[in-house]
């Protein structure tokens, strides 16, 4: 992996057979690297902070269900971590069961909340009497079915291979073409260099709840031609009605327009937590409006410097 040394330990939301493992293994791991399953998203993030693993892959955002609250909240608090890579992979679900199980025999289905949300209509239409139990991951659901705890699991096909299950139905998601975005987290270190197609993530904590607070944040990006690709509010958990804004924008903090926007937020917000600048997974950057390139910022700064030195021209 270009941003990592060989022979490292990588955590991922486990157990084996999760979409998160698939996301991690889509990266070019180095010789001697280990992929270590973690019980929960929080456990994976704690392992990075504690140094038990060098980095960890966790789910961040689903095209169907939106962002993963446990990931957002853990990154907004605790020891600082950086996103160094993102991976977006297609998510396809199967109904998995022990061999010799018939579809009619399925009364209790286990899956992750996002799996339930993405296959809800299929279950209602094909197994209206079945009850869905929510567990920590789709792979954990498959493992539990293998142990006899449930009749079937909604999970990735790879989980069936790992736990000796068969597919009773395939491609059962209600929305074809669903994707989930995963992020690779590491302890703070040198940032990945700009590639020309990057993304920056951060959390902005407003000073107080006042009229126009969100507009102030948005304006700092808009005036500099920085395109936001995600923004949402999350409770700070300190008191009722107090929120922070978790957001992603196009560009790298090394770019003048992005760095200038972050500096402005630092002035107007109670705090800003920088979550990293990293290569974007797919998509093309939005063309810059006139006057927002690094050269434009440099020329404007030089012009102001000349004015301060009495050079009026």
C-alpha atoms as a PDB file:
ATOM      1  CA  UNK A   1       0.000   0.000   0.000  1.00  0.00           C
ATOM      2  CA  UNK A   2       1.533   3.277  -1.117  1.00  0.00           C
ATOM      3  CA  UNK A   3       0.938   5.143   2.161  1.00  0.00           C
ATOM      4  CA  UNK A   4       1.997   2.237   4.399  1.00  0.00           C
ATOM      5  CA  UNK A   5       5.091   0.176   5.162  1.00  0.00           C
ATOM      6  CA  UNK A   6       5.136  -3.560   4.514  1.00  0.00           C
ATOM      7  CA  UNK A   7       4.582  -5.965   7.381  1.00  0.00           C
ATOM      8  CA  UNK A   8       1.844  -3.993   9.111  1.00  0.00           C
ATOM      9  CA  UNK A   9      -1.304  -4.973  10.974  1.00  0.00           C
ATOM     10  CA  UNK A  10      -4.645  -3.818   9.577  1.00  0.00           C
ATOM     11  CA  UNK A  11      -7.869  -4.061  11.529  1.00  0.00           C
ATOM     12  CA  UNK A  12     -11.313  -4.271   9.969  1.00  0.00           C
ATOM     13  CA  UNK A  13     -14.894  -4.632  11.140  1.00  0.00           C
ATOM     14  CA  UNK A  14     -15.233  -8.395  11.513  1.00  0.00           C
ATOM     15  CA  UNK A  15     -15.655 -11.211  11.706  1.00  0.00           C
ATOM     16  CA  UNK A  16     -14.182 -12.597   8.497  1.00  0.00           C
ATOM     17  CA  UNK A  17     -16.478 -12.287   5.512  1.00  0.00           C
ATOM     18  CA  UNK A  18     -17.723  -8.713   5.991  1.00  0.00           C
ATOM     19  CA  UNK A  19     -17.952  -6.131   3.237  1.00  0.00           C
ATOM     20  CA  UNK A  20     -15.361  -4.220   5.276  1.00  0.00           C
ATOM     21  CA  UNK A  21     -12.874  -7.055   4.825  1.00  0.00           C
ATOM     22  CA  UNK A  22     -13.595  -6.982   1.099  1.00  0.00           C
ATOM     23  CA  UNK A  23     -12.889  -3.240   1.082  1.00  0.00           C
ATOM     24  CA  UNK A  24      -9.587  -3.738   2.906  1.00  0.00           C
ATOM     25  CA  UNK A  25      -8.489  -6.547   0.595  1.00  0.00           C
ATOM     26  CA  UNK A  26      -9.265  -4.382  -2.439  1.00  0.00           C
ATOM     27  CA  UNK A  27      -6.159  -2.367  -1.500  1.00  0.00           C
ATOM     28  CA  UNK A  28      -2.667  -3.578  -2.414  1.00  0.00           C
ATOM     29  CA  UNK A  29      -1.540  -4.927   0.966  1.00  0.00           C
ATOM     30  CA  UNK A  30       2.199  -5.398   1.328  1.00  0.00           C
ATOM     31  CA  UNK A  31       4.175  -8.549   1.933  1.00  0.00           C
ATOM     32  CA  UNK A  32       3.744  -9.703   5.520  1.00  0.00           C
ATOM     33  CA  UNK A  33       0.732  -7.465   6.206  1.00  0.00           C
ATOM     34  CA  UNK A  34      -1.945  -8.948   8.466  1.00  0.00           C
ATOM     35  CA  UNK A  35      -5.719  -8.386   8.271  1.00  0.00           C
ATOM     36  CA  UNK A  36      -7.211  -8.688  11.760  1.00  0.00           C
ATOM     37  CA  UNK A  37     -10.988  -8.757  12.359  1.00  0.00           C
ATOM     38  CA  UNK A  38     -12.368  -6.504  15.117  1.00  0.00           C
ATOM     39  CA  UNK A  39     -15.656  -7.073  16.921  1.00  0.00           C
ATOM     40  CA  UNK A  40     -17.181  -3.616  16.346  1.00  0.00           C
ATOM     41  CA  UNK A  41     -16.442  -0.300  14.640  1.00  0.00           C
ATOM     42  CA  UNK A  42     -15.522   1.164  18.027  1.00  0.00           C
ATOM     43  CA  UNK A  43     -13.170  -1.741  18.742  1.00  0.00           C
ATOM     44  CA  UNK A  44     -11.464  -1.235  15.369  1.00  0.00           C
ATOM     45  CA  UNK A  45     -10.968   2.487  16.027  1.00  0.00           C
ATOM     46  CA  UNK A  46      -9.759   1.841  19.596  1.00  0.00           C
ATOM     47  CA  UNK A  47      -7.218  -0.650  18.242  1.00  0.00           C
ATOM     48  CA  UNK A  48      -5.708   2.064  16.033  1.00  0.00           C
ATOM     49  CA  UNK A  49      -5.547   4.540  18.907  1.00  0.00           C
ATOM     50  CA  UNK A  50      -3.949   1.960  21.183  1.00  0.00           C
ATOM     51  CA  UNK A  51      -1.409   0.932  18.561  1.00  0.00           C
ATOM     52  CA  UNK A  52      -2.651  -2.664  18.477  1.00  0.00           C
ATOM     53  CA  UNK A  53      -3.034  -2.230  14.720  1.00  0.00           C
ATOM     54  CA  UNK A  54      -1.364   0.258  12.405  1.00  0.00           C
ATOM     55  CA  UNK A  55      -4.564   1.168  10.565  1.00  0.00           C
ATOM     56  CA  UNK A  56      -8.171   0.009  10.373  1.00  0.00           C
ATOM     57  CA  UNK A  57     -10.847  -0.125   7.688  1.00  0.00           C
ATOM     58  CA  UNK A  58     -14.340   0.834   8.863  1.00  0.00           C
ATOM     59  CA  UNK A  59     -17.645   1.573   7.100  1.00  0.00           C
ATOM     60  CA  UNK A  60     -18.355   5.274   6.698  1.00  0.00           C
ATOM     61  CA  UNK A  61     -21.315   5.860   4.394  1.00  0.00           C
ATOM     62  CA  UNK A  62     -23.968   3.844   2.550  1.00  0.00           C
ATOM     63  CA  UNK A  63     -25.677   5.033  -0.618  1.00  0.00           C
ATOM     64  CA  UNK A  64     -28.956   3.734   0.856  1.00  0.00           C
ATOM     65  CA  UNK A  65     -28.782   4.419   4.600  1.00  0.00           C
ATOM     66  CA  UNK A  66     -26.372   7.350   4.684  1.00  0.00           C
ATOM     67  CA  UNK A  67     -23.478   7.711   7.113  1.00  0.00           C
ATOM     68  CA  UNK A  68     -22.567   5.215   9.830  1.00  0.00           C
ATOM     69  CA  UNK A  69     -23.230   7.003  13.156  1.00  0.00           C
ATOM     70  CA  UNK A  70     -20.764   4.974  15.223  1.00  0.00           C
ATOM     71  CA  UNK A  71     -17.917   5.874  12.859  1.00  0.00           C
ATOM     72  CA  UNK A  72     -18.802   9.581  12.715  1.00  0.00           C
ATOM     73  CA  UNK A  73     -19.189   9.885  16.481  1.00  0.00           C
ATOM     74  CA  UNK A  74     -15.957   8.050  17.296  1.00  0.00           C
ATOM     75  CA  UNK A  75     -13.968  10.223  14.901  1.00  0.00           C
ATOM     76  CA  UNK A  76     -15.461  13.415  16.369  1.00  0.00           C
ATOM     77  CA  UNK A  77     -14.237  12.542  19.873  1.00  0.00           C
ATOM     78  CA  UNK A  78     -11.323  10.730  21.492  1.00  0.00           C
ATOM     79  CA  UNK A  79      -7.751  10.724  20.303  1.00  0.00           C
ATOM     80  CA  UNK A  80      -7.293  12.210  16.807  1.00  0.00           C
ATOM     81  CA  UNK A  81      -7.106   9.872  13.827  1.00  0.00           C
ATOM     82  CA  UNK A  82      -6.679  10.531  10.117  1.00  0.00           C
ATOM     83  CA  UNK A  83      -8.448   9.085   7.094  1.00  0.00           C
ATOM     84  CA  UNK A  84      -5.669   8.076   4.701  1.00  0.00           C
ATOM     85  CA  UNK A  85      -7.680   6.183   2.060  1.00  0.00           C
ATOM     86  CA  UNK A  86     -11.281   5.671   1.032  1.00  0.00           C
ATOM     87  CA  UNK A  87     -12.789   2.739  -0.837  1.00  0.00           C
ATOM     88  CA  UNK A  88     -16.268   2.509  -2.357  1.00  0.00           C
ATOM     89  CA  UNK A  89     -17.450  -0.985  -3.278  1.00  0.00           C
ATOM     90  CA  UNK A  90     -20.754  -2.331  -4.629  1.00  0.00           C
ATOM     91  CA  UNK A  91     -22.830  -4.095  -1.998  1.00  0.00           C
ATOM     92  CA  UNK A  92     -24.766  -7.191  -3.038  1.00  0.00           C
ATOM     93  CA  UNK A  93     -26.716  -9.315  -0.554  1.00  0.00           C
ATOM     94  CA  UNK A  94     -27.701 -12.972  -0.490  1.00  0.00           C
ATOM     95  CA  UNK A  95     -29.956 -14.937   1.840  1.00  0.00           C
ATOM     96  CA  UNK A  96     -27.657 -17.555   3.365  1.00  0.00           C
ATOM     97  CA  UNK A  97     -28.631 -20.682   5.311  1.00  0.00           C
ATOM     98  CA  UNK A  98     -27.260 -24.035   6.416  1.00  0.00           C
ATOM     99  CA  UNK A  99     -27.346 -26.772   3.768  1.00  0.00           C
ATOM    100  CA  UNK A 100     -30.696 -28.550   3.416  1.00  0.00           C
ATOM    101  CA  UNK A 101     -32.597 -25.480   4.717  1.00  0.00           C
ATOM    102  CA  UNK A 102     -35.581 -24.551   2.559  1.00  0.00           C
ATOM    103  CA  UNK A 103     -36.847 -21.024   2.014  1.00  0.00           C
ATOM    104  CA  UNK A 104     -40.147 -21.955   3.659  1.00  0.00           C
ATOM    105  CA  UNK A 105     -38.299 -23.039   6.816  1.00  0.00           C
ATOM    106  CA  UNK A 106     -36.793 -19.588   7.400  1.00  0.00           C
ATOM    107  CA  UNK A 107     -38.494 -17.955  10.381  1.00  0.00           C
ATOM    108  CA  UNK A 108     -35.682 -15.855  11.929  1.00  0.00           C
ATOM    109  CA  UNK A 109     -33.175 -13.879   9.843  1.00  0.00           C
ATOM    110  CA  UNK A 110     -30.055 -12.192  11.203  1.00  0.00           C
ATOM    111  CA  UNK A 111     -28.266  -9.243   9.601  1.00  0.00           C
ATOM    112  CA  UNK A 112     -26.677  -5.842  10.216  1.00  0.00           C
ATOM    113  CA  UNK A 113     -29.047  -2.813  10.375  1.00  0.00           C
ATOM    114  CA  UNK A 114     -27.840  -1.601   6.970  1.00  0.00           C
ATOM    115  CA  UNK A 115     -28.449  -5.045   5.494  1.00  0.00           C
ATOM    116  CA  UNK A 116     -31.964  -5.032   6.901  1.00  0.00           C
ATOM    117  CA  UNK A 117     -32.636  -1.576   5.466  1.00  0.00           C
ATOM    118  CA  UNK A 118     -31.341  -2.506   2.013  1.00  0.00           C
ATOM    119  CA  UNK A 119     -33.344  -5.772   1.801  1.00  0.00           C
ATOM    120  CA  UNK A 120     -36.482  -4.840   3.754  1.00  0.00           C
ATOM    121  CA  UNK A 121     -38.917  -4.960   0.833  1.00  0.00           C
ATOM    122  CA  UNK A 122     -37.564  -8.299  -0.406  1.00  0.00           C
ATOM    123  CA  UNK A 123     -38.085  -9.865   3.018  1.00  0.00           C
ATOM    124  CA  UNK A 124     -41.633  -8.488   3.261  1.00  0.00           C
ATOM    125  CA  UNK A 125     -42.501  -9.804  -0.193  1.00  0.00           C
ATOM    126  CA  UNK A 126     -40.864 -13.238   0.066  1.00  0.00           C
ATOM    127  CA  UNK A 127     -40.802 -14.050   3.802  1.00  0.00           C
ATOM    128  CA  UNK A 128     -43.610 -11.989   5.349  1.00  0.00           C
ATOM    129  CA  UNK A 129     -43.781 -14.156   8.488  1.00  0.00           C
ATOM    130  CA  UNK A 130     -40.034 -14.080   9.176  1.00  0.00           C
ATOM    131  CA  UNK A 131     -38.565 -12.002  12.005  1.00  0.00           C
ATOM    132  CA  UNK A 132     -35.334 -10.044  11.443  1.00  0.00           C
ATOM    133  CA  UNK A 133     -32.785  -9.863  14.262  1.00  0.00           C
ATOM    134  CA  UNK A 134     -30.095  -7.159  14.098  1.00  0.00           C
ATOM    135  CA  UNK A 135     -26.464  -8.042  14.901  1.00  0.00           C
ATOM    136  CA  UNK A 136     -23.088  -6.289  14.752  1.00  0.00           C
ATOM    137  CA  UNK A 137     -22.227  -7.216  11.148  1.00  0.00           C
ATOM    138  CA  UNK A 138     -23.483  -9.243   8.201  1.00  0.00           C
ATOM    139  CA  UNK A 139     -20.612 -11.688   8.663  1.00  0.00           C
ATOM    140  CA  UNK A 140     -21.480 -12.115  12.348  1.00  0.00           C
ATOM    141  CA  UNK A 141     -24.999 -12.966  11.185  1.00  0.00           C
ATOM    142  CA  UNK A 142     -23.629 -15.637   8.836  1.00  0.00           C
ATOM    143  CA  UNK A 143     -21.397 -17.062  11.569  1.00  0.00           C
ATOM    144  CA  UNK A 144     -24.368 -17.254  13.938  1.00  0.00           C
ATOM    145  CA  UNK A 145     -26.423 -19.087  11.309  1.00  0.00           C
ATOM    146  CA  UNK A 146     -23.581 -21.546  10.916  1.00  0.00           C
ATOM    147  CA  UNK A 147     -23.704 -22.111  14.694  1.00  0.00           C
ATOM    148  CA  UNK A 148     -27.458 -22.713  14.545  1.00  0.00           C
ATOM    149  CA  UNK A 149     -28.563 -19.518  16.295  1.00  0.00           C
ATOM    150  CA  UNK A 150     -30.708 -18.294  13.368  1.00  0.00           C
ATOM    151  CA  UNK A 151     -32.350 -19.829  10.335  1.00  0.00           C
ATOM    152  CA  UNK A 152     -30.761 -17.547   7.749  1.00  0.00           C
ATOM    153  CA  UNK A 153     -28.599 -14.463   7.302  1.00  0.00           C
ATOM    154  CA  UNK A 154     -28.628 -11.521   4.938  1.00  0.00           C
ATOM    155  CA  UNK A 155     -24.957 -11.123   4.098  1.00  0.00           C
ATOM    156  CA  UNK A 156     -22.322 -10.968   1.381  1.00  0.00           C
ATOM    157  CA  UNK A 157     -21.877 -14.136  -0.698  1.00  0.00           C
ATOM    158  CA  UNK A 158     -18.291 -14.405   0.582  1.00  0.00           C
ATOM    159  CA  UNK A 159     -19.668 -14.911   4.102  1.00  0.00           C
ATOM    160  CA  UNK A 160     -21.468 -18.031   2.913  1.00  0.00           C
ATOM    161  CA  UNK A 161     -18.179 -19.427   1.638  1.00  0.00           C
ATOM    162  CA  UNK A 162     -16.447 -18.645   4.937  1.00  0.00           C
ATOM    163  CA  UNK A 163     -19.105 -20.237   7.177  1.00  0.00           C
ATOM    164  CA  UNK A 164     -20.289 -23.189   5.109  1.00  0.00           C
ATOM    165  CA  UNK A 165     -23.668 -21.764   4.118  1.00  0.00           C
ATOM    166  CA  UNK A 166     -25.623 -21.970   0.892  1.00  0.00           C
ATOM    167  CA  UNK A 167     -27.493 -19.234  -0.969  1.00  0.00           C
ATOM    168  CA  UNK A 168     -31.279 -19.526  -0.785  1.00  0.00           C
ATOM    169  CA  UNK A 169     -31.611 -16.322  -2.814  1.00  0.00           C
ATOM    170  CA  UNK A 170     -29.166 -13.947  -4.477  1.00  0.00           C
ATOM    171  CA  UNK A 171     -29.191 -10.215  -5.306  1.00  0.00           C
ATOM    172  CA  UNK A 172     -31.973  -9.532  -2.828  1.00  0.00           C
ATOM    173  CA  UNK A 173     -31.259  -5.835  -2.259  1.00  0.00           C
ATOM    174  CA  UNK A 174     -34.219  -3.541  -2.895  1.00  0.00           C
ATOM    175  CA  UNK A 175     -32.044  -1.007  -4.729  1.00  0.00           C
ATOM    176  CA  UNK A 176     -29.697  -2.268  -7.408  1.00  0.00           C
ATOM    177  CA  UNK A 177     -26.323  -0.568  -7.658  1.00  0.00           C
ATOM    178  CA  UNK A 178     -25.947   0.194  -3.948  1.00  0.00           C
ATOM    179  CA  UNK A 179     -22.460   1.194  -2.791  1.00  0.00           C
ATOM    180  CA  UNK A 180     -20.849   1.543   0.611  1.00  0.00           C
ATOM    181  CA  UNK A 181     -17.922   3.839   1.289  1.00  0.00           C
ATOM    182  CA  UNK A 182     -15.209   2.663   3.678  1.00  0.00           C
ATOM    183  CA  UNK A 183     -12.303   4.633   5.138  1.00  0.00           C
ATOM    184  CA  UNK A 184      -8.868   3.520   6.273  1.00  0.00           C
ATOM    185  CA  UNK A 185      -7.887   5.171   9.563  1.00  0.00           C
ATOM    186  CA  UNK A 186      -4.409   5.670  10.999  1.00  0.00           C
ATOM    187  CA  UNK A 187      -2.770   7.647  13.765  1.00  0.00           C
ATOM    188  CA  UNK A 188      -1.686  11.191  12.790  1.00  0.00           C
ATOM    189  CA  UNK A 189       1.376  11.225  10.539  1.00  0.00           C
ATOM    190  CA  UNK A 190       2.438  12.770   7.257  1.00  0.00           C
ATOM    191  CA  UNK A 191      -0.568  13.273   4.966  1.00  0.00           C
ATOM    192  CA  UNK A 192      -0.884  11.530   1.608  1.00  0.00           C
ATOM    193  CA  UNK A 193       0.317  14.042  -1.035  1.00  0.00           C
ATOM    194  CA  UNK A 194      -2.229  15.778  -3.292  1.00  0.00           C
ATOM    195  CA  UNK A 195      -3.244  13.800  -6.367  1.00  0.00           C
ATOM    196  CA  UNK A 196      -5.469  16.372  -8.080  1.00  0.00           C
ATOM    197  CA  UNK A 197      -8.565  14.339  -7.168  1.00  0.00           C
ATOM    198  CA  UNK A 198      -8.711  14.388  -3.381  1.00  0.00           C
ATOM    199  CA  UNK A 199     -11.184  14.728  -0.566  1.00  0.00           C
ATOM    200  CA  UNK A 200     -10.882  16.407   2.852  1.00  0.00           C
ATOM    201  CA  UNK A 201     -12.965  15.482   5.901  1.00  0.00           C
ATOM    202  CA  UNK A 202     -13.495  17.424   9.112  1.00  0.00           C
ATOM    203  CA  UNK A 203     -15.863  18.106  12.001  1.00  0.00           C
ATOM    204  CA  UNK A 204     -16.853  21.705  12.812  1.00  0.00           C
ATOM    205  CA  UNK A 205     -18.123  22.565  16.297  1.00  0.00           C
ATOM    206  CA  UNK A 206     -20.106  25.816  16.278  1.00  0.00           C
ATOM    207  CA  UNK A 207     -19.580  28.269  19.131  1.00  0.00           C
ATOM    208  CA  UNK A 208     -23.257  28.414  20.051  1.00  0.00           C
ATOM    209  CA  UNK A 209     -26.665  27.675  18.598  1.00  0.00           C
ATOM    210  CA  UNK A 210     -27.534  30.856  16.729  1.00  0.00           C
ATOM    211  CA  UNK A 211     -29.328  31.947  13.583  1.00  0.00           C
ATOM    212  CA  UNK A 212     -27.208  31.387  10.502  1.00  0.00           C
ATOM    213  CA  UNK A 213     -24.617  29.118  12.163  1.00  0.00           C
ATOM    214  CA  UNK A 214     -24.708  26.564   9.347  1.00  0.00           C
ATOM    215  CA  UNK A 215     -24.772  29.311   6.712  1.00  0.00           C
ATOM    216  CA  UNK A 216     -21.557  30.738   8.168  1.00  0.00           C
ATOM    217  CA  UNK A 217     -19.854  27.383   7.733  1.00  0.00           C
ATOM    218  CA  UNK A 218     -21.169  26.899   4.200  1.00  0.00           C
ATOM    219  CA  UNK A 219     -20.197  30.410   3.135  1.00  0.00           C
ATOM    220  CA  UNK A 220     -16.530  29.850   3.966  1.00  0.00           C
ATOM    221  CA  UNK A 221     -16.441  27.006   1.444  1.00  0.00           C
ATOM    222  CA  UNK A 222     -18.674  28.599  -1.180  1.00  0.00           C
ATOM    223  CA  UNK A 223     -16.715  31.849  -1.441  1.00  0.00           C
ATOM    224  CA  UNK A 224     -13.516  29.873  -2.093  1.00  0.00           C
ATOM    225  CA  UNK A 225     -15.042  27.567  -4.686  1.00  0.00           C
ATOM    226  CA  UNK A 226     -14.720  24.453  -2.485  1.00  0.00           C
ATOM    227  CA  UNK A 227     -17.406  21.890  -3.306  1.00  0.00           C
ATOM    228  CA  UNK A 228     -18.965  20.017  -0.372  1.00  0.00           C
ATOM    229  CA  UNK A 229     -19.738  16.358  -1.088  1.00  0.00           C
ATOM    230  CA  UNK A 230     -21.304  15.551   2.308  1.00  0.00           C
ATOM    231  CA  UNK A 231     -22.544  17.539   5.294  1.00  0.00           C
ATOM    232  CA  UNK A 232     -24.663  16.442   8.237  1.00  0.00           C
ATOM    233  CA  UNK A 233     -25.269  17.408  11.821  1.00  0.00           C
ATOM    234  CA  UNK A 234     -24.477  15.136  14.753  1.00  0.00           C
ATOM    235  CA  UNK A 235     -25.270  15.721  18.439  1.00  0.00           C
ATOM    236  CA  UNK A 236     -22.192  16.493  20.512  1.00  0.00           C
ATOM    237  CA  UNK A 237     -23.712  14.437  23.375  1.00  0.00           C
ATOM    238  CA  UNK A 238     -22.873  17.229  25.806  1.00  0.00           C
ATOM    239  CA  UNK A 239     -26.355  18.712  26.064  1.00  0.00           C
ATOM    240  CA  UNK A 240     -29.671  18.674  24.225  1.00  0.00           C
ATOM    241  CA  UNK A 241     -29.718  20.849  21.105  1.00  0.00           C
ATOM    242  CA  UNK A 242     -25.935  21.114  20.731  1.00  0.00           C
ATOM    243  CA  UNK A 243     -24.667  19.847  17.379  1.00  0.00           C
ATOM    244  CA  UNK A 244     -21.518  19.658  15.318  1.00  0.00           C
ATOM    245  CA  UNK A 245     -21.233  19.418  11.520  1.00  0.00           C
ATOM    246  CA  UNK A 246     -19.439  16.473   9.926  1.00  0.00           C
ATOM    247  CA  UNK A 247     -18.486  17.198   6.325  1.00  0.00           C
ATOM    248  CA  UNK A 248     -16.424  16.199   3.312  1.00  0.00           C
ATOM    249  CA  UNK A 249     -15.212  18.557   0.625  1.00  0.00           C
ATOM    250  CA  UNK A 250     -13.312  18.214  -2.623  1.00  0.00           C
ATOM    251  CA  UNK A 251      -9.645  19.083  -2.552  1.00  0.00           C
ATOM    252  CA  UNK A 252      -6.571  18.699  -0.334  1.00  0.00           C
ATOM    253  CA  UNK A 253      -5.562  20.824   2.648  1.00  0.00           C
ATOM    254  CA  UNK A 254      -2.305  21.556   0.783  1.00  0.00           C
ATOM    255  CA  UNK A 255      -4.357  23.528  -1.781  1.00  0.00           C
ATOM    256  CA  UNK A 256      -4.656  27.220  -0.959  1.00  0.00           C
ATOM    257  CA  UNK A 257      -8.457  27.392  -1.285  1.00  0.00           C
ATOM    258  CA  UNK A 258      -9.031  24.392   1.034  1.00  0.00           C
ATOM    259  CA  UNK A 259      -6.460  25.498   3.582  1.00  0.00           C
ATOM    260  CA  UNK A 260      -7.917  29.008   3.554  1.00  0.00           C
ATOM    261  CA  UNK A 261     -11.429  27.643   4.157  1.00  0.00           C
ATOM    262  CA  UNK A 262     -10.241  25.542   7.086  1.00  0.00           C
ATOM    263  CA  UNK A 263      -8.417  28.543   8.572  1.00  0.00           C
ATOM    264  CA  UNK A 264     -11.628  30.575   8.326  1.00  0.00           C
ATOM    265  CA  UNK A 265     -13.603  27.836  10.081  1.00  0.00           C
ATOM    266  CA  UNK A 266     -11.018  27.748  12.848  1.00  0.00           C
ATOM    267  CA  UNK A 267     -11.643  31.455  13.424  1.00  0.00           C
ATOM    268  CA  UNK A 268     -15.443  31.281  13.586  1.00  0.00           C
ATOM    269  CA  UNK A 269     -16.008  27.872  15.195  1.00  0.00           C
ATOM    270  CA  UNK A 270     -15.445  26.723  18.745  1.00  0.00           C
ATOM    271  CA  UNK A 271     -13.261  23.952  17.356  1.00  0.00           C
ATOM    272  CA  UNK A 272     -12.465  22.168  14.097  1.00  0.00           C
ATOM    273  CA  UNK A 273     -11.300  18.564  14.012  1.00  0.00           C
ATOM    274  CA  UNK A 274      -9.347  17.763  10.870  1.00  0.00           C
ATOM    275  CA  UNK A 275      -9.942  14.162   9.744  1.00  0.00           C
ATOM    276  CA  UNK A 276      -7.570  14.067   6.801  1.00  0.00           C
ATOM    277  CA  UNK A 277      -6.975  14.790   3.120  1.00  0.00           C
ATOM    278  CA  UNK A 278      -6.744  11.646   1.001  1.00  0.00           C
ATOM    279  CA  UNK A 279      -7.199  10.304  -2.550  1.00  0.00           C
ATOM    280  CA  UNK A 280     -10.794  10.284  -3.695  1.00  0.00           C
ATOM    281  CA  UNK A 281     -12.300   6.929  -4.697  1.00  0.00           C
ATOM    282  CA  UNK A 282     -13.689   7.503  -8.183  1.00  0.00           C
ATOM    283  CA  UNK A 283     -15.419  10.535  -9.626  1.00  0.00           C
ATOM    284  CA  UNK A 284     -13.983  13.658 -11.174  1.00  0.00           C
ATOM    285  CA  UNK A 285     -13.210  16.887  -9.301  1.00  0.00           C
ATOM    286  CA  UNK A 286     -15.533  19.816  -9.894  1.00  0.00           C
ATOM    287  CA  UNK A 287     -13.932  22.412 -12.196  1.00  0.00           C
ATOM    288  CA  UNK A 288     -12.590  25.386 -10.242  1.00  0.00           C
ATOM    289  CA  UNK A 289     -14.400  28.727 -10.614  1.00  0.00           C
ATOM    290  CA  UNK A 290     -12.212  31.593 -11.865  1.00  0.00           C
ATOM    291  CA  UNK A 291      -9.819  32.997  -9.276  1.00  0.00           C
ATOM    292  CA  UNK A 292      -9.693  29.926  -6.994  1.00  0.00           C
ATOM    293  CA  UNK A 293      -6.516  28.186  -8.181  1.00  0.00           C
ATOM    294  CA  UNK A 294      -3.390  28.209  -6.007  1.00  0.00           C
ATOM    295  CA  UNK A 295      -1.723  30.657  -8.389  1.00  0.00           C
ATOM    296  CA  UNK A 296      -4.636  33.084  -7.942  1.00  0.00           C
ATOM    297  CA  UNK A 297      -4.311  32.940  -4.142  1.00  0.00           C
ATOM    298  CA  UNK A 298      -0.539  33.497  -4.385  1.00  0.00           C
ATOM    299  CA  UNK A 299      -0.964  36.483  -6.721  1.00  0.00           C
ATOM    300  CA  UNK A 300      -3.588  38.058  -4.457  1.00  0.00           C
ATOM    301  CA  UNK A 301      -1.356  37.583  -1.379  1.00  0.00           C
ATOM    302  CA  UNK A 302       1.570  39.210  -3.166  1.00  0.00           C
ATOM    303  CA  UNK A 303      -0.633  42.147  -4.211  1.00  0.00           C
ATOM    304  CA  UNK A 304      -1.722  42.763  -0.598  1.00  0.00           C
ATOM    305  CA  UNK A 305       1.919  42.554   0.524  1.00  0.00           C
ATOM    306  CA  UNK A 306       2.862  45.240  -1.973  1.00  0.00           C
ATOM    307  CA  UNK A 307       0.046  47.475  -0.743  1.00  0.00           C
ATOM    308  CA  UNK A 308       1.235  47.097   2.852  1.00  0.00           C
ATOM    309  CA  UNK A 309       4.701  48.130   1.723  1.00  0.00           C
ATOM    310  CA  UNK A 310       3.348  51.251   0.048  1.00  0.00           C
ATOM    311  CA  UNK A 311       3.577  49.964  -3.518  1.00  0.00           C
ATOM    312  CA  UNK A 312       0.346  51.131  -5.121  1.00  0.00           C
ATOM    313  CA  UNK A 313       0.158  49.840  -8.681  1.00  0.00           C
END
